[in-house]
């Protein structure tokens, strides 16, 4: 991954003036921190670094909105990786595989396009994952009753047992994350995330079909 503090690539010093000179003059001054501005910054502390540096490079931007979305995105990424590596990988599936199995575990036999809608994955991704999970003996396919071209997926007995065990482990891990907040804080954060979820239905938001 490129160093976020590294200056943009450009012509070597001493090169002829012209377009390159214009490009160099268009690069904002990186400020007194210099090329080592990001020393010691990691995935989560990058949020503070990014907001501070962006304010220097792009005056007038909405730093509060930037911090909110960066922090939301990065904490979600860390939680997802933790759940996948601690719970799902040991059971032999990925986070995406768990999302598909989770729909079937909770909703029962479901058509592929509905799984895609509920899991937030593309239909192609659902189809590919179904192939893998079918080979593992966790799901089966059958023609949908209302449409011979459509496919319904269901958990096998082995899939049900695997998900039952994984669900307990998953929730135990969720509780460890929730323990970082008080009960009142959990309720407040859940309510705020619910407001963002409602906002996500706005016309301007791009969503997977």
C-alpha atoms as a PDB file:
ATOM      1  CA  UNK A   1       0.000   0.000   0.000  1.00  0.00           C
ATOM      2  CA  UNK A   2       1.426   3.403  -0.906  1.00  0.00           C
ATOM      3  CA  UNK A   3       2.650   5.566   1.960  1.00  0.00           C
ATOM      4  CA  UNK A   4      -0.118   8.177   2.458  1.00  0.00           C
ATOM      5  CA  UNK A   5       2.494  10.758   3.390  1.00  0.00           C
ATOM      6  CA  UNK A   6       4.750  10.146   0.387  1.00  0.00           C
ATOM      7  CA  UNK A   7       4.808  13.002  -2.150  1.00  0.00           C
ATOM      8  CA  UNK A   8       3.196  12.293  -5.537  1.00  0.00           C
ATOM      9  CA  UNK A   9       5.493  10.803  -8.145  1.00  0.00           C
ATOM     10  CA  UNK A  10       6.735  13.385 -10.617  1.00  0.00           C
ATOM     11  CA  UNK A  11       9.684  14.375 -12.797  1.00  0.00           C
ATOM     12  CA  UNK A  12      13.124  14.338 -11.246  1.00  0.00           C
ATOM     13  CA  UNK A  13      14.544  17.585  -9.896  1.00  0.00           C
ATOM     14  CA  UNK A  14      16.212  19.687 -12.540  1.00  0.00           C
ATOM     15  CA  UNK A  15      13.968  18.494 -15.368  1.00  0.00           C
ATOM     16  CA  UNK A  16      12.845  20.923 -18.039  1.00  0.00           C
ATOM     17  CA  UNK A  17      10.111  23.415 -17.217  1.00  0.00           C
ATOM     18  CA  UNK A  18       6.687  23.219 -18.867  1.00  0.00           C
ATOM     19  CA  UNK A  19       3.830  20.816 -18.037  1.00  0.00           C
ATOM     20  CA  UNK A  20       5.950  19.122 -15.373  1.00  0.00           C
ATOM     21  CA  UNK A  21       6.665  22.472 -13.760  1.00  0.00           C
ATOM     22  CA  UNK A  22       2.933  23.233 -13.731  1.00  0.00           C
ATOM     23  CA  UNK A  23       2.165  19.836 -12.188  1.00  0.00           C
ATOM     24  CA  UNK A  24       4.724  20.412  -9.448  1.00  0.00           C
ATOM     25  CA  UNK A  25       3.342  23.873  -8.681  1.00  0.00           C
ATOM     26  CA  UNK A  26      -0.176  22.398  -8.454  1.00  0.00           C
ATOM     27  CA  UNK A  27       0.831  20.044  -5.600  1.00  0.00           C
ATOM     28  CA  UNK A  28      -0.115  21.644  -2.247  1.00  0.00           C
ATOM     29  CA  UNK A  29       2.631  22.367   0.246  1.00  0.00           C
ATOM     30  CA  UNK A  30       2.756  19.343   2.541  1.00  0.00           C
ATOM     31  CA  UNK A  31       3.544  21.572   5.458  1.00  0.00           C
ATOM     32  CA  UNK A  32       6.255  21.496   8.129  1.00  0.00           C
ATOM     33  CA  UNK A  33       5.854  17.793   8.930  1.00  0.00           C
ATOM     34  CA  UNK A  34       7.633  16.805   5.738  1.00  0.00           C
ATOM     35  CA  UNK A  35       7.911  13.297   4.310  1.00  0.00           C
ATOM     36  CA  UNK A  36       7.935  11.685   7.775  1.00  0.00           C
ATOM     37  CA  UNK A  37       4.526  13.096   8.679  1.00  0.00           C
ATOM     38  CA  UNK A  38       2.996   9.601   8.856  1.00  0.00           C
ATOM     39  CA  UNK A  39       5.763   7.992  10.913  1.00  0.00           C
ATOM     40  CA  UNK A  40       4.207   5.633  13.454  1.00  0.00           C
ATOM     41  CA  UNK A  41       0.701   5.906  11.962  1.00  0.00           C
ATOM     42  CA  UNK A  42      -1.207   2.609  11.710  1.00  0.00           C
ATOM     43  CA  UNK A  43      -4.578   1.552  10.316  1.00  0.00           C
ATOM     44  CA  UNK A  44      -6.716   3.083  13.071  1.00  0.00           C
ATOM     45  CA  UNK A  45      -4.558   6.057  14.067  1.00  0.00           C
ATOM     46  CA  UNK A  46      -4.542   7.001  10.379  1.00  0.00           C
ATOM     47  CA  UNK A  47      -7.985   8.522  11.024  1.00  0.00           C
ATOM     48  CA  UNK A  48      -6.600  11.335  13.199  1.00  0.00           C
ATOM     49  CA  UNK A  49      -3.641  11.772  10.866  1.00  0.00           C
ATOM     50  CA  UNK A  50      -5.874  11.911   7.793  1.00  0.00           C
ATOM     51  CA  UNK A  51      -8.245  14.504   9.242  1.00  0.00           C
ATOM     52  CA  UNK A  52      -5.391  16.731  10.366  1.00  0.00           C
ATOM     53  CA  UNK A  53      -3.422  16.503   7.136  1.00  0.00           C
ATOM     54  CA  UNK A  54      -6.483  16.844   4.919  1.00  0.00           C
ATOM     55  CA  UNK A  55      -7.364  20.067   6.757  1.00  0.00           C
ATOM     56  CA  UNK A  56      -3.896  21.383   5.835  1.00  0.00           C
ATOM     57  CA  UNK A  57      -4.049  20.233   2.218  1.00  0.00           C
ATOM     58  CA  UNK A  58      -7.762  20.894   1.579  1.00  0.00           C
ATOM     59  CA  UNK A  59      -8.808  23.888   3.722  1.00  0.00           C
ATOM     60  CA  UNK A  60     -12.537  24.212   4.244  1.00  0.00           C
ATOM     61  CA  UNK A  61     -13.423  20.542   3.988  1.00  0.00           C
ATOM     62  CA  UNK A  62     -15.819  18.961   6.484  1.00  0.00           C
ATOM     63  CA  UNK A  63     -13.426  17.278   8.893  1.00  0.00           C
ATOM     64  CA  UNK A  64     -16.209  16.007  11.162  1.00  0.00           C
ATOM     65  CA  UNK A  65     -17.848  14.109   8.280  1.00  0.00           C
ATOM     66  CA  UNK A  66     -14.468  12.767   7.177  1.00  0.00           C
ATOM     67  CA  UNK A  67     -13.666  11.529  10.687  1.00  0.00           C
ATOM     68  CA  UNK A  68     -17.100   9.887  11.041  1.00  0.00           C
ATOM     69  CA  UNK A  69     -16.930   7.933   7.798  1.00  0.00           C
ATOM     70  CA  UNK A  70     -13.241   7.007   8.084  1.00  0.00           C
ATOM     71  CA  UNK A  71     -13.682   5.788  11.657  1.00  0.00           C
ATOM     72  CA  UNK A  72     -16.899   3.915  10.855  1.00  0.00           C
ATOM     73  CA  UNK A  73     -15.304   2.213   7.874  1.00  0.00           C
ATOM     74  CA  UNK A  74     -12.064   1.275   9.602  1.00  0.00           C
ATOM     75  CA  UNK A  75     -13.575   0.018  12.851  1.00  0.00           C
ATOM     76  CA  UNK A  76     -16.036  -2.085  10.823  1.00  0.00           C
ATOM     77  CA  UNK A  77     -13.097  -3.488   8.858  1.00  0.00           C
ATOM     78  CA  UNK A  78     -11.219  -4.426  12.039  1.00  0.00           C
ATOM     79  CA  UNK A  79     -14.307  -6.061  13.580  1.00  0.00           C
ATOM     80  CA  UNK A  80     -15.011  -7.997  10.385  1.00  0.00           C
ATOM     81  CA  UNK A  81     -11.436  -9.287  10.169  1.00  0.00           C
ATOM     82  CA  UNK A  82     -11.493 -10.289  13.833  1.00  0.00           C
ATOM     83  CA  UNK A  83     -14.749 -12.231  13.462  1.00  0.00           C
ATOM     84  CA  UNK A  84     -13.587 -13.912  10.273  1.00  0.00           C
ATOM     85  CA  UNK A  85     -10.188 -14.950  11.614  1.00  0.00           C
ATOM     86  CA  UNK A  86     -11.372 -15.958  15.106  1.00  0.00           C
ATOM     87  CA  UNK A  87     -14.650 -17.672  14.205  1.00  0.00           C
ATOM     88  CA  UNK A  88     -15.298 -18.318  10.523  1.00  0.00           C
ATOM     89  CA  UNK A  89     -11.911 -19.345   9.137  1.00  0.00           C
ATOM     90  CA  UNK A  90     -11.605 -22.127  11.739  1.00  0.00           C
ATOM     91  CA  UNK A  91     -14.914 -23.489  10.407  1.00  0.00           C
ATOM     92  CA  UNK A  92     -13.568 -23.436   6.864  1.00  0.00           C
ATOM     93  CA  UNK A  93     -15.390 -20.475   5.379  1.00  0.00           C
ATOM     94  CA  UNK A  94     -14.789 -16.793   4.728  1.00  0.00           C
ATOM     95  CA  UNK A  95     -16.727 -13.799   6.000  1.00  0.00           C
ATOM     96  CA  UNK A  96     -18.645 -13.789   2.707  1.00  0.00           C
ATOM     97  CA  UNK A  97     -19.385 -17.479   3.128  1.00  0.00           C
ATOM     98  CA  UNK A  98     -20.740 -16.799   6.607  1.00  0.00           C
ATOM     99  CA  UNK A  99     -22.974 -14.028   5.244  1.00  0.00           C
ATOM    100  CA  UNK A 100     -24.549 -16.473   2.820  1.00  0.00           C
ATOM    101  CA  UNK A 101     -24.898 -19.225   5.418  1.00  0.00           C
ATOM    102  CA  UNK A 102     -26.301 -16.719   7.893  1.00  0.00           C
ATOM    103  CA  UNK A 103     -29.152 -15.824   5.537  1.00  0.00           C
ATOM    104  CA  UNK A 104     -30.018 -19.501   5.090  1.00  0.00           C
ATOM    105  CA  UNK A 105     -29.710 -20.215   8.810  1.00  0.00           C
ATOM    106  CA  UNK A 106     -32.092 -17.409   9.736  1.00  0.00           C
ATOM    107  CA  UNK A 107     -34.416 -17.260   6.720  1.00  0.00           C
ATOM    108  CA  UNK A 108     -34.482 -20.904   5.668  1.00  0.00           C
ATOM    109  CA  UNK A 109     -34.423 -22.009   2.011  1.00  0.00           C
ATOM    110  CA  UNK A 110     -33.975 -18.870  -0.061  1.00  0.00           C
ATOM    111  CA  UNK A 111     -33.679 -18.020  -3.732  1.00  0.00           C
ATOM    112  CA  UNK A 112     -30.271 -16.820  -4.886  1.00  0.00           C
ATOM    113  CA  UNK A 113     -31.361 -13.286  -5.799  1.00  0.00           C
ATOM    114  CA  UNK A 114     -32.970 -12.841  -2.379  1.00  0.00           C
ATOM    115  CA  UNK A 115     -29.782 -14.037  -0.693  1.00  0.00           C
ATOM    116  CA  UNK A 116     -27.874 -11.433  -2.698  1.00  0.00           C
ATOM    117  CA  UNK A 117     -30.269  -8.702  -1.577  1.00  0.00           C
ATOM    118  CA  UNK A 118     -30.133  -9.678   2.113  1.00  0.00           C
ATOM    119  CA  UNK A 119     -26.393 -10.306   2.260  1.00  0.00           C
ATOM    120  CA  UNK A 120     -25.307  -7.275   0.236  1.00  0.00           C
ATOM    121  CA  UNK A 121     -23.441  -9.428  -2.287  1.00  0.00           C
ATOM    122  CA  UNK A 122     -23.808  -9.679  -6.042  1.00  0.00           C
ATOM    123  CA  UNK A 123     -25.723 -12.590  -7.552  1.00  0.00           C
ATOM    124  CA  UNK A 124     -22.491 -13.772  -9.178  1.00  0.00           C
ATOM    125  CA  UNK A 125     -20.751 -13.806  -5.777  1.00  0.00           C
ATOM    126  CA  UNK A 126     -23.635 -15.760  -4.237  1.00  0.00           C
ATOM    127  CA  UNK A 127     -23.495 -18.303  -7.067  1.00  0.00           C
ATOM    128  CA  UNK A 128     -19.731 -18.723  -6.710  1.00  0.00           C
ATOM    129  CA  UNK A 129     -19.934 -19.096  -2.934  1.00  0.00           C
ATOM    130  CA  UNK A 130     -22.783 -21.575  -3.280  1.00  0.00           C
ATOM    131  CA  UNK A 131     -20.533 -23.766  -5.441  1.00  0.00           C
ATOM    132  CA  UNK A 132     -17.876 -23.799  -2.734  1.00  0.00           C
ATOM    133  CA  UNK A 133     -20.306 -24.388   0.129  1.00  0.00           C
ATOM    134  CA  UNK A 134     -22.068 -27.127  -1.802  1.00  0.00           C
ATOM    135  CA  UNK A 135     -18.754 -28.950  -2.264  1.00  0.00           C
ATOM    136  CA  UNK A 136     -18.226 -28.647   1.494  1.00  0.00           C
ATOM    137  CA  UNK A 137     -21.583 -30.318   2.060  1.00  0.00           C
ATOM    138  CA  UNK A 138     -23.088 -27.274   3.765  1.00  0.00           C
ATOM    139  CA  UNK A 139     -25.744 -26.253   1.224  1.00  0.00           C
ATOM    140  CA  UNK A 140     -27.840 -27.863  -1.492  1.00  0.00           C
ATOM    141  CA  UNK A 141     -29.505 -26.372  -4.566  1.00  0.00           C
ATOM    142  CA  UNK A 142     -32.946 -27.019  -5.986  1.00  0.00           C
ATOM    143  CA  UNK A 143     -35.192 -25.428  -8.575  1.00  0.00           C
ATOM    144  CA  UNK A 144     -37.435 -22.700  -7.219  1.00  0.00           C
ATOM    145  CA  UNK A 145     -41.063 -23.802  -7.191  1.00  0.00           C
ATOM    146  CA  UNK A 146     -42.304 -20.659  -8.953  1.00  0.00           C
ATOM    147  CA  UNK A 147     -39.575 -20.457 -11.621  1.00  0.00           C
ATOM    148  CA  UNK A 148     -37.670 -23.338 -13.182  1.00  0.00           C
ATOM    149  CA  UNK A 149     -34.800 -21.000 -14.050  1.00  0.00           C
ATOM    150  CA  UNK A 150     -34.326 -19.818 -10.466  1.00  0.00           C
ATOM    151  CA  UNK A 151     -32.337 -21.716  -7.842  1.00  0.00           C
ATOM    152  CA  UNK A 152     -33.183 -22.041  -4.166  1.00  0.00           C
ATOM    153  CA  UNK A 153     -30.442 -22.776  -1.645  1.00  0.00           C
ATOM    154  CA  UNK A 154     -30.926 -24.531   1.663  1.00  0.00           C
ATOM    155  CA  UNK A 155     -28.646 -25.673   4.471  1.00  0.00           C
ATOM    156  CA  UNK A 156     -27.887 -29.361   4.777  1.00  0.00           C
ATOM    157  CA  UNK A 157     -28.002 -31.058   8.171  1.00  0.00           C
ATOM    158  CA  UNK A 158     -24.220 -30.548   8.360  1.00  0.00           C
ATOM    159  CA  UNK A 159     -24.677 -26.887   7.465  1.00  0.00           C
ATOM    160  CA  UNK A 160     -27.276 -26.434  10.196  1.00  0.00           C
ATOM    161  CA  UNK A 161     -24.995 -28.024  12.785  1.00  0.00           C
ATOM    162  CA  UNK A 162     -21.978 -25.993  11.689  1.00  0.00           C
ATOM    163  CA  UNK A 163     -23.919 -22.727  11.783  1.00  0.00           C
ATOM    164  CA  UNK A 164     -25.435 -23.522  15.174  1.00  0.00           C
ATOM    165  CA  UNK A 165     -21.971 -23.968  16.645  1.00  0.00           C
ATOM    166  CA  UNK A 166     -20.489 -20.992  14.826  1.00  0.00           C
ATOM    167  CA  UNK A 167     -23.352 -18.753  15.888  1.00  0.00           C
ATOM    168  CA  UNK A 168     -22.578 -19.252  19.562  1.00  0.00           C
ATOM    169  CA  UNK A 169     -18.896 -18.476  18.937  1.00  0.00           C
ATOM    170  CA  UNK A 170     -19.792 -15.476  16.790  1.00  0.00           C
ATOM    171  CA  UNK A 171     -22.056 -13.986  19.438  1.00  0.00           C
ATOM    172  CA  UNK A 172     -19.464 -14.553  22.171  1.00  0.00           C
ATOM    173  CA  UNK A 173     -17.034 -12.528  20.047  1.00  0.00           C
ATOM    174  CA  UNK A 174     -19.690  -9.851  19.511  1.00  0.00           C
ATOM    175  CA  UNK A 175     -20.115  -9.601  23.287  1.00  0.00           C
ATOM    176  CA  UNK A 176     -16.374  -9.031  23.697  1.00  0.00           C
ATOM    177  CA  UNK A 177     -16.571  -6.110  21.283  1.00  0.00           C
ATOM    178  CA  UNK A 178     -19.697  -4.716  22.943  1.00  0.00           C
ATOM    179  CA  UNK A 179     -17.945  -4.876  26.333  1.00  0.00           C
ATOM    180  CA  UNK A 180     -15.920  -1.846  25.230  1.00  0.00           C
ATOM    181  CA  UNK A 181     -19.057   0.249  25.805  1.00  0.00           C
ATOM    182  CA  UNK A 182     -21.530   0.608  28.644  1.00  0.00           C
ATOM    183  CA  UNK A 183     -25.046  -0.700  28.110  1.00  0.00           C
ATOM    184  CA  UNK A 184     -26.295   2.865  27.610  1.00  0.00           C
ATOM    185  CA  UNK A 185     -23.513   3.592  25.134  1.00  0.00           C
ATOM    186  CA  UNK A 186     -24.362   0.434  23.184  1.00  0.00           C
ATOM    187  CA  UNK A 187     -27.988   1.542  22.958  1.00  0.00           C
ATOM    188  CA  UNK A 188     -26.974   5.052  21.856  1.00  0.00           C
ATOM    189  CA  UNK A 189     -24.534   3.798  19.220  1.00  0.00           C
ATOM    190  CA  UNK A 190     -27.067   1.283  17.918  1.00  0.00           C
ATOM    191  CA  UNK A 191     -29.676   4.026  17.625  1.00  0.00           C
ATOM    192  CA  UNK A 192     -27.246   6.310  15.786  1.00  0.00           C
ATOM    193  CA  UNK A 193     -26.212   3.559  13.396  1.00  0.00           C
ATOM    194  CA  UNK A 194     -29.910   2.900  12.818  1.00  0.00           C
ATOM    195  CA  UNK A 195     -30.299   6.534  11.755  1.00  0.00           C
ATOM    196  CA  UNK A 196     -27.397   6.134   9.321  1.00  0.00           C
ATOM    197  CA  UNK A 197     -28.977   2.927   8.010  1.00  0.00           C
ATOM    198  CA  UNK A 198     -32.218   4.815   7.360  1.00  0.00           C
ATOM    199  CA  UNK A 199     -30.202   7.562   5.649  1.00  0.00           C
ATOM    200  CA  UNK A 200     -28.707   4.872   3.406  1.00  0.00           C
ATOM    201  CA  UNK A 201     -32.079   4.480   1.699  1.00  0.00           C
ATOM    202  CA  UNK A 202     -31.869   8.038   0.289  1.00  0.00           C
ATOM    203  CA  UNK A 203     -32.155   8.426  -3.486  1.00  0.00           C
ATOM    204  CA  UNK A 204     -28.613   9.774  -3.845  1.00  0.00           C
ATOM    205  CA  UNK A 205     -26.999   6.708  -2.240  1.00  0.00           C
ATOM    206  CA  UNK A 206     -25.615   4.148  -4.665  1.00  0.00           C
ATOM    207  CA  UNK A 207     -26.476   0.609  -3.635  1.00  0.00           C
ATOM    208  CA  UNK A 208     -25.871  -2.828  -5.101  1.00  0.00           C
ATOM    209  CA  UNK A 209     -28.837  -3.973  -7.186  1.00  0.00           C
END
